Amino acid sequence: MARVINPKAEEILDKEFKVLNHGFVRLVDYMGGDESIVQAARVSYGKGTKTVSEDRTLIRYLMRHQHTTPFEMVEFKFHVKLPIFVARQWIRHRTANVNEYSGRYSIMPEEFYVPDENVIKYQSQSNKQGRDSEEVPPEIRKRVLEILIQEQKSAFDGYQEMLDYNIARELARINLPLSLYTQWYWKIDLHNLFHFLKLRMDKNAQYEIRVYAETMAQIVKTVVPIAYEAFEDYILNSVTFSKHELKLLQKYFPESISEDEIEKFGFSKYEKMEFFEKLKKISEM
């Protein structure tokens, strides 16, 4: 099978998608597409790519049943410019290949993340690592921005002064704040990328990393539209229940759901069959 070329993906290669005030995401390269997923899944049967509708059915089956290996056959390489504090959250996803801009070898640019006023919030009382929805008064938001900008400028002035004295870059950089921008190349397979997107597009994820994830999601959707649709349907917009939660739901569950009712929601033949199997499992708990 020849290398998969997606015309829409080719159109966005190397295009900068702006994120935050100085950041961006660029798709540097990609390997494979929806066709690569079905090719990998069918290899044991010796069958080539079938029709688009059959490919969609297979991809959705794989996603639904968490057969993840075929999704690992597709890879993305991104060039990302991001604040250091976002990078330190991001690097927790240890399933990618990363090469980052080095302040030991290169002079760091004077580019800092300064939040928009509307994302400056109080500490949440219910989420120890998140922001509250309550609005912060304008005078406090203004003061927060003044503090950030003043301290960023002071830190960079000190950095520049040490460079002027020819102090080693690896030392001069150490007082630079987490709001400074860095860059890296980040290469990852589709299965692990979907996991990243599920976690970082969640409403509880920090805003600054969430906007990067949302931007990358649109790129992924362009390269693998069928797989991304399945990801939205079965992973991103789904929930799971524990054993105890299911037993509680059983008390309030309707005795029967008609096939006519299910037809209204566009279930495929296989999805309908699997849905009834799930209902049976709940009723027998």
Protein backbone atom coordinates (compact mmCIF):
# COMPACT_ATOMS: atom_id res chain seq x y z
CA MET A 1 0.00 0.00 0.00
CA ALA A 2 1.39 3.41 -0.96
CA ARG A 3 2.02 6.10 1.63
CA VAL A 4 -1.26 7.66 2.74
CA ILE A 5 -1.64 11.24 1.52
CA ASN A 6 -4.50 13.33 2.85
CA PRO A 7 -4.97 16.48 0.70
CA LYS A 8 -6.59 18.40 3.56
CA ALA A 9 -3.74 17.45 5.89
CA GLU A 10 -1.20 18.53 3.28
CA GLU A 11 -2.86 21.96 3.19
CA ILE A 12 -2.18 22.58 6.89
CA LEU A 13 1.37 21.21 7.06
CA ASP A 14 3.67 23.84 8.63
CA LYS A 15 0.78 26.24 9.15
CA GLU A 16 0.97 28.06 12.49
CA PHE A 17 -2.18 27.81 14.57
CA LYS A 18 -1.91 30.62 17.11
CA VAL A 19 -2.43 29.75 20.78
CA LEU A 20 -2.29 32.19 23.72
CA ASN A 21 -0.34 35.43 23.17
CA HIS A 22 2.92 34.10 21.67
CA GLY A 23 2.31 30.37 21.26
CA PHE A 24 1.44 28.17 18.32
CA VAL A 25 0.96 24.60 17.16
CA ARG A 26 2.27 23.41 13.78
CA LEU A 27 1.77 20.01 12.19
CA VAL A 28 5.27 19.25 10.92
CA ASP A 29 4.53 15.78 9.53
CA TYR A 30 2.14 12.89 9.79
CA MET A 31 2.30 9.20 8.96
CA GLY A 32 -0.87 7.44 7.90
CA GLY A 33 -4.56 8.19 8.13
CA ASP A 34 -7.87 6.40 8.54
CA GLU A 35 -6.81 3.94 5.83
CA SER A 36 -3.73 2.98 7.86
CA ILE A 37 -5.88 2.00 10.82
CA VAL A 38 -8.05 -0.39 8.81
CA GLN A 39 -5.04 -1.74 6.94
CA ALA A 40 -3.37 -2.65 10.25
CA ALA A 41 -6.57 -4.16 11.63
CA ARG A 42 -7.11 -6.36 8.56
CA VAL A 43 -3.54 -7.51 8.08
CA SER A 44 -4.15 -10.87 9.75
CA TYR A 45 -6.87 -11.57 7.21
CA GLY A 46 -4.80 -10.54 4.21
CA LYS A 47 -7.48 -8.10 3.04
CA GLY A 48 -6.91 -4.65 1.57
CA THR A 49 -8.88 -1.50 2.15
CA LYS A 50 -12.60 -1.89 1.46
CA THR A 51 -15.24 0.80 1.00
CA VAL A 52 -15.29 3.98 3.07
CA SER A 53 -18.48 2.87 4.83
CA GLU A 54 -16.92 -0.48 5.76
CA ASP A 55 -13.77 1.30 6.94
CA ARG A 56 -15.87 3.58 9.13
CA THR A 57 -17.72 0.61 10.62
CA LEU A 58 -14.43 -1.13 11.42
CA ILE A 59 -12.79 1.97 12.94
CA ARG A 60 -15.81 2.58 15.13
CA TYR A 61 -15.79 -1.08 16.23
CA LEU A 62 -12.10 -0.83 17.15
CA MET A 63 -12.64 2.35 19.14
CA ARG A 64 -15.75 1.01 20.85
CA HIS A 65 -14.00 -2.17 21.98
CA GLN A 66 -10.69 -0.49 22.85
CA HIS A 67 -8.66 -2.39 20.27
CA THR A 68 -5.96 0.27 20.39
CA THR A 69 -3.03 -1.21 18.43
CA PRO A 70 -4.28 -0.23 14.94
CA PHE A 71 -4.49 3.41 16.08
CA GLU A 72 -0.81 3.27 16.99
CA MET A 73 -0.02 2.89 13.28
CA VAL A 74 -0.78 6.61 12.72
CA GLU A 75 1.71 9.21 13.97
CA PHE A 76 1.82 12.98 14.27
CA LYS A 77 4.80 15.28 14.65
CA PHE A 78 4.04 18.72 16.06
CA HIS A 79 6.13 21.85 16.56
CA VAL A 80 4.75 23.60 19.63
CA LYS A 81 5.62 26.94 21.22
CA LEU A 82 4.27 27.09 24.77
CA PRO A 83 4.90 28.59 28.23
CA ILE A 84 7.24 26.54 30.39
CA PHE A 85 4.56 25.89 33.04
CA VAL A 86 2.34 24.37 30.33
CA ALA A 87 5.27 22.29 29.07
CA ARG A 88 5.83 20.87 32.55
CA GLN A 89 2.22 19.65 32.70
CA TRP A 90 2.43 18.37 29.13
CA ILE A 91 5.60 16.35 29.66
CA ARG A 92 3.74 14.18 32.17
CA HIS A 93 2.41 12.35 29.11
CA ARG A 94 5.42 10.08 28.72
CA THR A 95 4.23 8.33 25.55
CA ALA A 96 5.79 10.73 23.03
CA ASN A 97 9.19 11.60 21.61
CA VAL A 98 10.26 15.12 22.61
CA ASN A 99 13.11 17.45 21.73
CA GLU A 100 13.00 20.86 23.43
CA TYR A 101 14.69 24.21 22.82
CA SER A 102 17.76 24.44 25.08
CA GLY A 103 18.64 27.50 27.15
CA ARG A 104 22.13 26.04 27.64
CA TYR A 105 22.95 26.41 23.97
CA SER A 106 20.68 29.23 22.86
CA ILE A 107 19.66 32.62 24.18
CA MET A 108 16.07 32.61 25.40
CA PRO A 109 13.80 35.11 23.63
CA GLU A 110 12.02 37.78 25.67
CA GLU A 111 8.56 36.27 25.27
CA PHE A 112 6.32 35.66 28.25
CA TYR A 113 2.77 34.44 28.71
CA VAL A 114 0.50 37.18 29.99
CA PRO A 115 -3.08 35.97 30.53
CA ASP A 116 -6.11 37.81 29.27
CA GLU A 117 -7.99 39.56 32.05
CA ASN A 118 -11.02 37.30 31.63
CA VAL A 119 -9.07 34.15 32.63
CA ILE A 120 -7.81 35.63 35.91
CA LYS A 121 -9.93 33.90 38.55
CA TYR A 122 -9.92 33.15 42.27
CA GLN A 123 -8.72 29.83 43.66
CA SER A 124 -11.51 27.25 43.56
CA GLN A 125 -12.83 26.15 46.95
CA SER A 126 -13.86 22.72 45.62
CA ASN A 127 -10.91 21.96 43.34
CA LYS A 128 -7.47 22.38 44.92
CA GLN A 129 -5.76 22.65 41.53
CA GLY A 130 -8.30 24.78 39.68
CA ARG A 131 -9.93 28.17 39.31
CA ASP A 132 -13.28 29.36 40.59
CA SER A 133 -15.97 30.70 38.28
CA GLU A 134 -16.48 33.83 40.38
CA GLU A 135 -15.44 37.03 38.65
CA VAL A 136 -12.42 38.88 40.02
CA PRO A 137 -12.92 42.66 40.32
CA PRO A 138 -11.28 44.67 37.49
CA GLU A 139 -8.89 46.52 39.82
CA ILE A 140 -7.49 43.22 41.16
CA ARG A 141 -7.15 41.75 37.64
CA LYS A 142 -5.28 44.87 36.60
CA ARG A 143 -2.93 44.59 39.57
CA VAL A 144 -2.26 40.90 38.84
CA LEU A 145 -1.20 41.80 35.30
CA GLU A 146 1.03 44.59 36.60
CA ILE A 147 2.78 42.17 38.98
CA LEU A 148 3.29 39.57 36.24
CA ILE A 149 4.67 42.02 33.70
CA GLN A 150 6.94 43.82 36.20
CA GLU A 151 8.47 40.60 37.51
CA GLN A 152 8.89 39.14 34.03
CA LYS A 153 10.75 42.27 32.91
CA SER A 154 12.93 42.30 36.03
CA ALA A 155 13.88 38.64 35.61
CA PHE A 156 14.70 39.06 31.92
CA ASP A 157 16.74 42.24 32.57
CA GLY A 158 18.82 40.26 35.06
CA TYR A 159 19.22 37.43 32.56
CA GLN A 160 20.35 39.86 29.86
CA GLU A 161 22.80 41.53 32.23
CA MET A 162 24.43 38.21 33.08
CA LEU A 163 24.74 37.41 29.37
CA ASP A 164 26.42 40.81 28.88
CA TYR A 165 28.98 39.76 31.52
CA ASN A 166 29.50 36.56 29.46
CA ILE A 167 28.16 34.40 32.30
CA ALA A 168 27.42 30.88 31.06
CA ARG A 169 23.93 30.63 29.56
CA GLU A 170 23.18 27.55 31.62
CA LEU A 171 23.55 29.71 34.76
CA ALA A 172 22.09 32.95 33.45
CA ARG A 173 18.78 31.23 32.65
CA ILE A 174 18.04 29.78 36.08
CA ASN A 175 16.02 32.72 37.43
CA LEU A 176 13.77 32.98 34.38
CA PRO A 177 10.11 32.37 35.31
CA LEU A 178 7.71 29.61 34.27
CA SER A 179 5.80 32.08 32.11
CA LEU A 180 8.70 32.21 29.62
CA TYR A 181 7.99 30.50 26.30
CA THR A 182 9.84 27.40 25.16
CA GLN A 183 9.49 25.28 22.02
CA TRP A 184 9.66 21.61 21.21
CA TYR A 185 9.04 18.96 18.60
CA TRP A 186 6.55 16.39 19.91
CA LYS A 187 5.91 13.12 18.06
CA ILE A 188 3.19 10.71 19.19
CA ASP A 189 0.98 7.92 17.86
CA LEU A 190 -2.76 8.41 17.49
CA HIS A 191 -3.80 6.10 20.33
CA ASN A 192 -1.74 8.00 22.89
CA LEU A 193 -2.68 11.33 21.32
CA PHE A 194 -6.35 10.52 21.86
CA HIS A 195 -5.56 9.80 25.52
CA PHE A 196 -3.80 13.18 25.80
CA LEU A 197 -6.74 14.97 24.20
CA LYS A 198 -9.30 13.28 26.44
CA LEU A 199 -7.48 14.44 29.57
CA ARG A 200 -6.42 17.89 28.41
CA MET A 201 -9.67 18.89 26.68
CA ASP A 202 -11.61 18.11 29.83
CA LYS A 203 -13.36 21.12 31.39
CA ASN A 204 -11.29 20.58 34.57
CA ALA A 205 -7.96 20.80 32.72
CA GLN A 206 -6.04 24.06 33.15
CA TYR A 207 -7.21 26.61 30.59
CA GLU A 208 -3.74 27.24 29.18
CA ILE A 209 -3.11 23.61 28.24
CA ARG A 210 -6.73 23.05 27.24
CA VAL A 211 -6.52 25.61 24.42
CA TYR A 212 -3.47 23.78 23.02
CA ALA A 213 -5.33 20.47 23.16
CA GLU A 214 -8.36 21.98 21.44
CA THR A 215 -6.17 23.36 18.66
CA MET A 216 -4.44 20.01 18.17
CA ALA A 217 -7.81 18.25 18.11
CA GLN A 218 -8.84 20.24 15.04
CA ILE A 219 -5.60 19.21 13.32
CA VAL A 220 -6.18 15.54 14.22
CA LYS A 221 -9.75 15.79 12.93
CA THR A 222 -8.38 16.97 9.57
CA VAL A 223 -5.91 14.08 9.24
CA VAL A 224 -8.12 11.23 10.54
CA PRO A 225 -11.74 12.42 10.35
CA ILE A 226 -13.35 8.98 10.73
CA ALA A 227 -11.20 8.00 13.71
CA TYR A 228 -11.76 11.37 15.34
CA GLU A 229 -15.53 11.01 14.96
CA ALA A 230 -15.32 7.63 16.70
CA PHE A 231 -13.15 9.16 19.43
CA GLU A 232 -15.76 11.87 20.04
CA ASP A 233 -18.62 9.37 20.15
CA TYR A 234 -17.09 6.60 22.26
CA ILE A 235 -14.35 8.26 24.35
CA LEU A 236 -14.54 12.03 24.58
CA ASN A 237 -18.29 12.31 25.10
CA SER A 238 -18.88 9.08 27.00
CA VAL A 239 -18.82 8.09 30.67
CA THR A 240 -18.19 4.84 32.53
CA PHE A 241 -19.96 3.51 35.59
CA SER A 242 -18.60 1.47 38.49
CA LYS A 243 -20.23 -1.74 39.66
CA HIS A 244 -21.95 0.04 42.54
CA GLU A 245 -23.17 2.85 40.31
CA LEU A 246 -24.68 0.35 37.91
CA LYS A 247 -26.46 -1.46 40.72
CA LEU A 248 -27.96 1.85 41.79
CA LEU A 249 -29.04 2.67 38.24
CA GLN A 250 -30.66 -0.76 37.99
CA LYS A 251 -33.28 0.35 40.52
CA TYR A 252 -34.48 3.12 38.21
CA PHE A 253 -33.93 1.41 34.89
CA PRO A 254 -36.90 0.98 32.52
CA GLU A 255 -38.02 -2.61 32.10
CA SER A 256 -37.66 -2.45 28.34
CA ILE A 257 -36.50 -0.20 25.54
CA SER A 258 -37.98 -0.81 22.12
CA GLU A 259 -35.95 -1.18 18.95
CA ASP A 260 -38.04 1.61 17.43
CA GLU A 261 -36.83 3.94 20.17
CA ILE A 262 -33.22 3.01 19.47
CA GLU A 263 -33.63 3.63 15.74
CA LYS A 264 -34.17 7.33 16.46
CA PHE A 265 -30.57 7.67 17.62
CA GLY A 266 -28.89 6.26 14.52
CA PHE A 267 -27.41 3.13 16.06
CA SER A 268 -25.77 0.75 13.62
CA LYS A 269 -26.80 -2.90 13.61
CA TYR A 270 -23.77 -3.84 15.72
CA GLU A 271 -24.16 -0.94 18.11
CA LYS A 272 -27.80 -1.86 18.69
CA MET A 273 -26.87 -5.46 19.43
CA GLU A 274 -24.13 -4.38 21.85
CA PHE A 275 -26.46 -1.92 23.53
CA PHE A 276 -28.99 -4.64 24.30
CA GLU A 277 -26.18 -6.80 25.67
CA LYS A 278 -25.24 -3.97 28.02
CA LEU A 279 -28.84 -3.59 29.17
CA LYS A 280 -29.02 -7.29 29.85
CA LYS A 281 -25.84 -7.13 31.90
CA ILE A 282 -27.26 -4.30 34.04
CA SER A 283 -30.53 -6.14 34.59
CA GLU A 284 -28.70 -9.29 35.72
CA MET A 285 -26.40 -7.60 38.20
